[in-house]
Amino acid sequence: MKTIKTKKGVAVNRNLLIVTADMGKDKHFGYWRCPDGTDVKPFGIPNNGAGFWGFWERVSHAQKLHNLDGILFGYESTGPYGEPLAHFMRARGAELVQVNPLHTKRFKEVTDNSPNKTDQKDPKVIADIIAMSRFLTVVIPEGPAAELRRLSQARERSIRRHTALANQIQCLLASIFPEFLQVIKDVASASARYFLKHHPTPQNIVAYGLPDLAKTLRKVSRGKLKEDRAQALYEAAKSSVGVAEGQASVVMEIHELLSLLDAAERFTESLEQEMTAHLARIPYSTTLLSLKGIGQVTAAGLIGEVGDFRKFRTLGEVMKLAGLDLFEVSSGRHKGQRHISKRGRPLMRKLLYFAALNTVKKGGAMRQWYRSACDRGMPKPKALVAVGRKILGILFALVRDHSEYVPNYSETRLQLKEAA
């Protein structure tokens, strides 16, 4: 039995049955190929238990018939439709790999010199890519890590809903009280919500009166908004150009959106509490939290996105998973700039970006490196992305070495050497 090793360091066994599937909502299309080129015409797989068992019987029979050692199951990393089949195949002992959909799109024209795209063609193209070892290892979260992935994704959707609701409120206010947004810009703030619930129109504000307005605004804002802001809001209400016709209906919708905004925030808070509880069940969670600037929600989200840091052999694999691996486009005398690929998990990049913002604050672990990068001429957004890459590298090393973060590690190590 012969084994080859690709440049990426992935060992590929030639005596495996390559099995692929092009995933769909109601129906998948499966395909298998032997090392000697023997294959089968792509066939449909109903997205249900009977379809999965029929698929498994077909490919396991092919494996035994051709005396192969195992099954390598590959699919595109596109959405949730393929998750049940991937878990089903993994439970039967198949090794899972993923193919980038962009690779499939570009490679399919090489297959038959045609841009033709069909469900029958895609699984064969996926098999061609796997045969060249251009795939990513799949790490499926288990136990608390699986819960963290679902929770972090649910939190992200809840935050997006919250943003959408706030935007809808702004649109409605623009018709009945546009000046409100010029005085209190954040409609999701406590002050804005109080007045939108109790005094949502310019007429309500004027009738409330300036003294009571100033007193209430100071109270609900906890002293942040004082008399000058109350004066500005009162004057804006007196001279408002808001539309009075149909105003009551708009106010009714604003009240409904405010209640949905409250519900979204309560749900997000409950999700974060669950994330904290499941994070405590991850053995190496304290390792991640030892880096100042990495909070519990960020650590929980990163573990959910990665699945398990311990199952990755190299930092490059984790970088690629996040889409933070670097590339450049150079030709001849032209030397291109380096950029991140963004061909990975976007939520993971977002979490690392916000972690970078925390760590470059005054007293943060990455502040000195960040300022040094900016002094060298690196634009601030690019420097923050670079900090995110460094954070991911540090976290990977901490988990790998079963250690905790030590500030100014290089200086501490030098002092220990000198003392010795």
Protein backbone atom coordinates (compact mmCIF):
# COMPACT_ATOMS: atom_id res chain seq x y z
CA MET A 1 0.00 0.00 0.00
CA LYS A 2 1.50 3.28 -1.14
CA THR A 3 1.14 6.57 0.64
CA ILE A 4 1.97 9.99 -0.80
CA LYS A 5 2.54 13.25 1.04
CA THR A 6 1.43 16.56 -0.40
CA LYS A 7 3.25 19.86 0.03
CA LYS A 8 0.67 20.78 2.64
CA GLY A 9 1.80 17.79 4.70
CA VAL A 10 -1.43 15.86 4.36
CA ALA A 11 -0.93 12.11 4.04
CA VAL A 12 -3.22 10.60 1.38
CA ASN A 13 -3.75 6.86 1.29
CA ARG A 14 -4.06 5.57 -2.30
CA ASN A 15 -6.06 2.55 -1.16
CA LEU A 16 -9.13 4.54 -0.12
CA LEU A 17 -12.47 4.80 -1.84
CA ILE A 18 -13.10 8.47 -2.62
CA VAL A 19 -16.76 9.22 -1.98
CA THR A 20 -18.25 12.66 -2.64
CA ALA A 21 -21.61 14.37 -2.50
CA ASP A 22 -22.99 17.58 -3.93
CA MET A 23 -25.32 18.82 -1.21
CA GLY A 24 -28.84 20.10 -1.77
CA LYS A 25 -31.85 21.01 0.32
CA ASP A 26 -34.05 18.04 -0.58
CA LYS A 27 -31.67 15.81 -2.51
CA HIS A 28 -27.91 15.22 -2.66
CA PHE A 29 -25.96 13.70 -5.53
CA GLY A 30 -23.39 11.05 -4.61
CA TYR A 31 -20.41 9.57 -6.44
CA TRP A 32 -17.53 7.20 -5.71
CA ARG A 33 -14.19 6.44 -7.35
CA CYS A 34 -11.56 3.75 -6.79
CA PRO A 35 -7.80 4.41 -6.87
CA ASP A 36 -7.57 2.64 -10.26
CA GLY A 37 -10.13 5.01 -11.79
CA THR A 38 -13.14 2.72 -11.55
CA ASP A 39 -16.15 4.86 -10.77
CA VAL A 40 -19.90 5.12 -10.96
CA LYS A 41 -22.32 7.54 -12.57
CA PRO A 42 -23.49 10.20 -10.02
CA PHE A 43 -26.75 9.19 -8.36
CA GLY A 44 -29.38 10.88 -6.22
CA ILE A 45 -29.52 10.63 -2.42
CA PRO A 46 -32.82 11.64 -0.78
CA ASN A 47 -32.18 13.83 2.24
CA ASN A 48 -33.68 11.40 4.75
CA GLY A 49 -32.77 8.29 6.73
CA ALA A 50 -33.69 5.82 3.99
CA GLY A 51 -31.65 7.77 1.46
CA PHE A 52 -28.61 7.91 3.74
CA TRP A 53 -28.69 4.17 4.48
CA GLY A 54 -29.07 3.40 0.76
CA PHE A 55 -26.06 5.60 0.04
CA TRP A 56 -24.01 3.93 2.76
CA GLU A 57 -24.86 0.43 1.54
CA ARG A 58 -23.83 1.39 -1.96
CA VAL A 59 -20.44 2.87 -1.05
CA SER A 60 -19.56 0.27 1.60
CA HIS A 61 -20.34 -2.47 -0.94
CA ALA A 62 -17.98 -0.77 -3.41
CA GLN A 63 -15.27 -0.57 -0.75
CA LYS A 64 -15.52 -4.29 0.02
CA LEU A 65 -15.84 -5.29 -3.64
CA HIS A 66 -12.60 -3.51 -4.58
CA ASN A 67 -10.81 -4.54 -1.37
CA LEU A 68 -10.09 -0.99 -0.19
CA ASP A 69 -8.98 0.03 3.29
CA GLY A 70 -11.53 2.73 3.99
CA ILE A 71 -13.70 5.59 2.76
CA LEU A 72 -12.67 9.21 2.29
CA PHE A 73 -15.84 11.28 2.14
CA GLY A 74 -15.59 14.78 0.70
CA TYR A 75 -18.07 17.59 0.18
CA GLU A 76 -18.18 21.35 -0.30
CA SER A 77 -18.30 23.55 2.79
CA THR A 78 -21.60 25.21 1.83
CA GLY A 79 -24.25 25.84 4.45
CA PRO A 80 -26.15 23.50 6.76
CA TYR A 81 -27.69 21.15 4.17
CA GLY A 82 -24.74 18.77 4.23
CA GLU A 83 -24.38 18.52 8.02
CA PRO A 84 -26.69 15.51 8.58
CA LEU A 85 -25.02 13.45 5.84
CA ALA A 86 -21.52 14.42 7.04
CA HIS A 87 -22.36 13.36 10.61
CA PHE A 88 -23.95 10.15 9.30
CA MET A 89 -20.83 9.22 7.30
CA ARG A 90 -18.53 10.11 10.19
CA ALA A 91 -20.52 7.87 12.54
CA ARG A 92 -19.98 4.97 10.10
CA GLY A 93 -16.17 5.44 10.23
CA ALA A 94 -15.59 7.47 7.06
CA GLU A 95 -12.85 10.11 7.10
CA LEU A 96 -14.24 13.57 6.31
CA VAL A 97 -12.64 16.28 4.17
CA GLN A 98 -13.99 19.52 2.76
CA VAL A 99 -13.43 21.25 -0.56
CA ASN A 100 -13.59 25.00 -1.07
CA PRO A 101 -16.59 25.82 -3.33
CA LEU A 102 -14.43 28.35 -5.18
CA HIS A 103 -12.04 25.54 -6.15
CA THR A 104 -14.95 23.49 -7.47
CA LYS A 105 -16.22 26.43 -9.51
CA ARG A 106 -12.84 27.10 -11.09
CA PHE A 107 -11.83 23.47 -11.61
CA LYS A 108 -15.01 22.29 -13.31
CA GLU A 109 -14.08 24.03 -16.59
CA VAL A 110 -10.77 22.15 -16.63
CA THR A 111 -12.63 18.85 -16.35
CA ASP A 112 -14.36 19.03 -19.74
CA ASN A 113 -13.44 22.50 -21.06
CA SER A 114 -17.01 23.64 -20.45
CA PRO A 115 -18.63 26.06 -17.99
CA ASN A 116 -21.49 23.58 -17.69
CA LYS A 117 -22.72 23.23 -14.09
CA THR A 118 -24.98 20.35 -13.08
CA ASP A 119 -25.63 18.34 -9.93
CA GLN A 120 -24.21 15.29 -11.72
CA LYS A 121 -20.98 17.07 -12.65
CA ASP A 122 -20.12 18.65 -9.29
CA PRO A 123 -19.50 15.46 -7.25
CA LYS A 124 -17.04 14.24 -9.89
CA VAL A 125 -15.20 17.56 -9.82
CA ILE A 126 -15.04 17.37 -6.01
CA ALA A 127 -13.49 13.91 -6.35
CA ASP A 128 -10.90 15.27 -8.81
CA ILE A 129 -9.89 17.97 -6.31
CA ILE A 130 -9.65 15.45 -3.47
CA ALA A 131 -7.52 13.14 -5.62
CA MET A 132 -5.05 16.03 -5.96
CA SER A 133 -5.06 16.45 -2.15
CA ARG A 134 -6.48 19.99 -2.34
CA PHE A 135 -8.84 19.69 0.57
CA LEU A 136 -9.23 20.77 4.18
CA THR A 137 -9.52 18.45 7.16
CA VAL A 138 -12.91 18.63 8.85
CA VAL A 139 -13.03 19.10 12.62
CA ILE A 140 -16.60 18.51 13.79
CA PRO A 141 -17.26 20.02 17.23
CA GLU A 142 -18.34 17.58 19.89
CA GLY A 143 -19.94 17.93 23.32
CA PRO A 144 -19.67 21.46 24.77
CA ALA A 145 -17.76 22.69 21.69
CA ALA A 146 -20.73 21.73 19.51
CA GLU A 147 -23.04 23.64 21.84
CA LEU A 148 -20.72 26.65 21.69
CA ARG A 149 -20.80 26.67 17.88
CA ARG A 150 -24.61 26.69 17.82
CA LEU A 151 -24.80 29.27 20.58
CA SER A 152 -22.25 31.63 19.01
CA GLN A 153 -24.02 31.42 15.66
CA ALA A 154 -27.38 32.06 17.33
CA ARG A 155 -25.86 35.06 19.15
CA GLU A 156 -24.59 36.46 15.86
CA ARG A 157 -28.05 36.12 14.29
CA SER A 158 -29.62 37.78 17.33
CA ILE A 159 -27.19 40.70 17.07
CA ARG A 160 -28.03 41.09 13.38
CA ARG A 161 -31.75 41.12 14.22
CA HIS A 162 -31.09 43.76 16.88
CA THR A 163 -29.29 45.94 14.33
CA ALA A 164 -32.07 45.48 11.77
CA LEU A 165 -34.73 46.48 14.32
CA ALA A 166 -32.79 49.60 15.30
CA ASN A 167 -32.49 50.54 11.62
CA GLN A 168 -36.25 50.13 11.14
CA ILE A 169 -36.94 52.43 14.09
CA GLN A 170 -34.63 55.04 12.59
CA CYS A 171 -36.49 54.85 9.27
CA LEU A 172 -39.85 55.38 10.98
CA LEU A 173 -38.51 58.28 13.07
CA ALA A 174 -37.21 59.95 9.93
CA SER A 175 -40.81 60.55 8.86
CA ILE A 176 -42.47 61.72 12.10
CA PHE A 177 -39.57 63.20 14.10
CA PRO A 178 -36.31 63.39 12.05
CA GLU A 179 -34.70 65.83 14.48
CA PHE A 180 -34.79 63.24 17.27
CA LEU A 181 -31.94 61.33 15.59
CA GLN A 182 -29.85 64.50 15.43
CA VAL A 183 -30.07 64.98 19.20
CA ILE A 184 -30.01 61.34 20.38
CA LYS A 185 -28.22 59.36 17.69
CA ASP A 186 -28.45 55.85 19.17
CA VAL A 187 -32.08 54.66 19.14
CA ALA A 188 -31.05 51.56 21.10
CA SER A 189 -29.79 53.62 24.05
CA ALA A 190 -31.78 53.70 27.29
CA SER A 191 -32.59 57.40 26.88
CA ALA A 192 -33.87 57.04 23.33
CA ARG A 193 -35.98 54.02 24.20
CA TYR A 194 -37.59 55.72 27.20
CA PHE A 195 -38.74 58.73 25.21
CA LEU A 196 -39.81 56.65 22.21
CA LYS A 197 -41.98 54.58 24.54
CA HIS A 198 -43.48 57.46 26.53
CA HIS A 199 -43.06 60.64 24.41
CA PRO A 200 -42.39 59.52 20.83
CA THR A 201 -43.68 62.54 18.87
CA PRO A 202 -42.59 66.20 18.76
CA GLN A 203 -45.98 67.18 20.18
CA ASN A 204 -45.45 64.85 23.16
CA ILE A 205 -42.03 66.39 23.88
CA VAL A 206 -43.37 69.96 23.76
CA ALA A 207 -46.33 69.06 25.97
CA TYR A 208 -44.00 67.39 28.48
CA GLY A 209 -42.19 70.68 29.04
CA LEU A 210 -38.51 71.56 29.28
CA PRO A 211 -38.05 71.26 33.10
CA ASP A 212 -39.53 67.77 33.28
CA LEU A 213 -37.72 66.80 30.06
CA ALA A 214 -34.34 67.83 31.51
CA LYS A 215 -34.99 66.06 34.82
CA THR A 216 -36.13 62.81 33.14
CA LEU A 217 -33.32 62.82 30.58
CA ARG A 218 -30.70 63.21 33.29
CA LYS A 219 -32.28 60.35 35.27
CA VAL A 220 -32.66 57.78 32.47
CA SER A 221 -29.17 58.56 31.10
CA ARG A 222 -27.67 58.31 34.59
CA GLY A 223 -26.30 61.82 34.38
CA LYS A 224 -24.68 61.48 30.96
CA LEU A 225 -27.18 63.74 29.16
CA LYS A 226 -27.66 67.08 30.89
CA GLU A 227 -29.70 70.24 30.41
CA ASP A 228 -28.05 71.24 27.14
CA ARG A 229 -29.19 67.99 25.48
CA ALA A 230 -32.69 68.41 26.89
CA GLN A 231 -32.78 71.97 25.55
CA ALA A 232 -31.68 70.76 22.11
CA LEU A 233 -34.36 68.07 22.05
CA TYR A 234 -37.05 70.49 23.18
CA GLU A 235 -36.12 73.10 20.55
CA ALA A 236 -35.98 70.38 17.88
CA ALA A 237 -39.48 69.23 18.84
CA LYS A 238 -40.86 72.80 18.69
CA SER A 239 -39.56 73.31 15.14
CA SER A 240 -39.91 69.73 13.90
CA VAL A 241 -40.76 69.12 10.24
CA GLY A 242 -42.08 65.63 10.98
CA VAL A 243 -45.23 64.45 9.21
CA ALA A 244 -48.33 64.54 11.41
CA GLU A 245 -50.61 62.51 9.12
CA GLY A 246 -50.64 58.82 10.03
CA GLN A 247 -48.47 59.53 13.05
CA ALA A 248 -50.40 57.28 15.43
CA SER A 249 -49.84 54.25 13.20
CA VAL A 250 -46.12 54.92 12.99
CA VAL A 251 -45.92 55.26 16.79
CA MET A 252 -47.74 51.94 17.14
CA GLU A 253 -45.15 50.22 14.95
CA ILE A 254 -42.26 51.87 16.82
CA HIS A 255 -43.62 50.50 20.11
CA GLU A 256 -43.79 47.00 18.60
CA LEU A 257 -40.21 47.28 17.30
CA LEU A 258 -39.03 48.45 20.73
CA SER A 259 -40.56 45.39 22.37
CA LEU A 260 -38.82 43.17 19.80
CA LEU A 261 -35.58 45.03 20.50
CA ASP A 262 -35.94 44.26 24.22
CA ALA A 263 -36.66 40.60 23.43
CA ALA A 264 -33.58 40.36 21.17
CA GLU A 265 -31.38 41.75 23.94
CA ARG A 266 -32.80 39.36 26.53
CA PHE A 267 -32.24 36.45 24.18
CA THR A 268 -28.65 37.54 23.47
CA GLU A 269 -28.00 37.78 27.20
CA SER A 270 -29.39 34.28 27.79
CA LEU A 271 -27.22 32.94 24.96
CA GLU A 272 -24.12 34.49 26.52
CA GLN A 273 -24.96 32.91 29.88
CA GLU A 274 -25.24 29.51 28.20
CA MET A 275 -21.94 30.10 26.39
CA THR A 276 -20.22 30.86 29.69
CA ALA A 277 -21.63 27.68 31.24
CA HIS A 278 -20.46 25.46 28.35
CA LEU A 279 -17.09 27.23 28.20
CA ALA A 280 -16.39 26.08 31.76
CA ARG A 281 -16.62 22.47 30.50
CA ILE A 282 -13.79 22.99 27.98
CA PRO A 283 -10.52 21.74 29.58
CA TYR A 284 -8.30 24.41 28.03
CA SER A 285 -10.67 27.38 28.38
CA THR A 286 -8.56 28.95 31.17
CA THR A 287 -5.61 28.89 28.78
CA LEU A 288 -7.43 31.13 26.31
CA LEU A 289 -8.75 33.41 29.04
CA SER A 290 -5.23 33.95 30.37
CA LEU A 291 -4.60 36.37 27.48
CA LYS A 292 -5.86 39.74 28.69
CA GLY A 293 -8.48 41.03 26.26
CA ILE A 294 -9.99 37.62 25.53
CA GLY A 295 -13.31 37.52 27.36
CA GLN A 296 -15.55 34.56 27.97
CA VAL A 297 -17.86 35.28 25.02
CA THR A 298 -14.90 35.67 22.66
CA ALA A 299 -13.21 32.50 23.92
CA ALA A 300 -16.48 30.56 23.68
CA GLY A 301 -17.09 31.83 20.15
CA LEU A 302 -13.57 30.94 18.99
CA ILE A 303 -13.80 27.42 20.38
CA GLY A 304 -17.18 27.01 18.71
CA GLU A 305 -15.78 28.14 15.36
CA VAL A 306 -12.56 26.10 15.57
CA GLY A 307 -14.19 22.99 17.06
CA ASP A 308 -11.12 21.88 18.97
CA PHE A 309 -7.74 23.63 18.85
CA ARG A 310 -6.05 20.37 19.83
CA LYS A 311 -7.09 18.61 16.62
CA PHE A 312 -5.07 20.95 14.40
CA ARG A 313 -1.42 20.11 13.86
CA THR A 314 -0.15 23.43 12.53
CA LEU A 315 -0.99 27.09 12.94
CA GLY A 316 -1.35 27.36 9.17
CA GLU A 317 -4.38 25.06 9.25
CA VAL A 318 -6.11 27.24 11.84
CA MET A 319 -5.22 30.43 9.91
CA LYS A 320 -6.75 28.95 6.78
CA LEU A 321 -9.87 27.95 8.69
CA ALA A 322 -10.27 31.59 9.76
CA GLY A 323 -9.48 32.94 6.29
CA LEU A 324 -6.51 34.82 7.75
CA ASP A 325 -3.89 33.10 5.60
CA LEU A 326 -1.93 35.56 3.46
CA PHE A 327 -1.62 35.75 -0.32
CA GLU A 328 -0.17 38.12 -2.89
CA VAL A 329 -0.53 38.59 -6.64
CA SER A 330 2.90 39.24 -8.20
CA SER A 331 4.04 38.95 -11.78
CA GLY A 332 7.35 39.90 -13.38
CA ARG A 333 8.54 43.18 -11.92
CA HIS A 334 5.23 43.79 -10.20
CA LYS A 335 5.31 42.91 -6.52
CA GLY A 336 1.81 42.63 -5.12
CA GLN A 337 0.79 43.48 -1.57
CA ARG A 338 -0.09 40.75 0.88
CA HIS A 339 -3.73 40.35 1.86
CA ILE A 340 -5.75 37.88 3.90
CA SER A 341 -7.66 35.37 1.78
CA LYS A 342 -11.02 35.68 3.63
CA ARG A 343 -11.74 32.09 2.48
CA GLY A 344 -12.69 30.84 5.91
CA ARG A 345 -15.13 31.34 8.73
CA PRO A 346 -16.21 35.02 8.81
CA LEU A 347 -17.48 34.90 12.39
CA MET A 348 -14.06 33.70 13.52
CA ARG A 349 -12.42 36.69 11.81
CA LYS A 350 -14.95 39.02 13.43
CA LEU A 351 -14.26 37.64 16.90
CA LEU A 352 -10.51 38.00 16.41
CA TYR A 353 -10.92 41.57 15.14
CA PHE A 354 -12.86 42.62 18.23
CA ALA A 355 -10.34 40.76 20.40
CA ALA A 356 -7.63 42.79 18.68
CA LEU A 357 -9.47 46.00 19.56
CA ASN A 358 -9.48 44.94 23.22
CA THR A 359 -5.82 43.96 23.32
CA VAL A 360 -4.54 47.21 21.78
CA LYS A 361 -6.20 49.40 24.40
CA LYS A 362 -4.08 51.05 27.07
CA GLY A 363 -2.50 48.30 29.12
CA GLY A 364 -3.47 45.65 26.55
CA ALA A 365 -1.17 42.76 25.68
CA MET A 366 -0.80 43.79 22.02
CA ARG A 367 -0.70 47.57 22.43
CA GLN A 368 3.06 47.92 22.07
CA TRP A 369 3.21 45.72 18.96
CA TYR A 370 0.23 47.54 17.43
CA ARG A 371 1.72 50.99 17.97
CA SER A 372 5.04 49.80 16.57
CA ALA A 373 3.27 48.52 13.44
CA CYS A 374 1.42 51.83 13.02
CA ASP A 375 4.68 53.76 13.46
CA ARG A 376 6.18 51.70 10.63
CA GLY A 377 3.44 53.02 8.34
CA MET A 378 0.96 50.16 8.51
CA PRO A 379 -2.65 51.44 8.25
CA LYS A 380 -4.60 50.98 11.48
CA PRO A 381 -7.25 48.56 10.07
CA LYS A 382 -4.49 46.41 8.57
CA ALA A 383 -2.55 46.53 11.84
CA LEU A 384 -5.65 45.32 13.72
CA VAL A 385 -5.98 42.38 11.34
CA ALA A 386 -2.30 41.61 11.93
CA VAL A 387 -2.93 41.73 15.69
CA GLY A 388 -5.82 39.29 15.20
CA ARG A 389 -3.43 36.92 13.41
CA LYS A 390 -0.94 37.20 16.28
CA ILE A 391 -3.68 36.55 18.83
CA LEU A 392 -4.72 33.38 16.98
CA GLY A 393 -1.09 32.25 16.89
CA ILE A 394 -0.67 32.86 20.61
CA LEU A 395 -3.88 31.02 21.49
CA PHE A 396 -2.90 28.05 19.31
CA ALA A 397 0.54 27.90 20.98
CA LEU A 398 -0.93 28.17 24.49
CA VAL A 399 -3.29 25.24 23.88
CA ARG A 400 -0.57 23.20 22.18
CA ASP A 401 1.91 23.75 25.01
CA HIS A 402 -0.66 23.47 27.84
CA SER A 403 0.47 26.82 29.20
CA GLU A 404 -0.91 30.23 30.10
CA TYR A 405 -0.04 33.61 28.66
CA VAL A 406 2.91 35.42 30.25
CA PRO A 407 3.11 39.18 29.56
CA ASN A 408 6.48 40.33 28.18
CA TYR A 409 7.54 36.71 27.84
CA SER A 410 10.74 37.52 25.93
CA GLU A 411 11.96 39.93 28.59
CA THR A 412 11.07 37.50 31.39
CA ARG A 413 12.90 34.68 29.64
CA LEU A 414 15.99 36.87 29.13
CA GLN A 415 16.02 37.84 32.80
CA LEU A 416 15.83 34.18 33.85
CA LYS A 417 18.76 33.33 31.57
CA GLU A 418 20.84 36.18 32.99
CA ALA A 419 19.98 35.11 36.55
CA ALA A 420 21.04 31.56 35.77
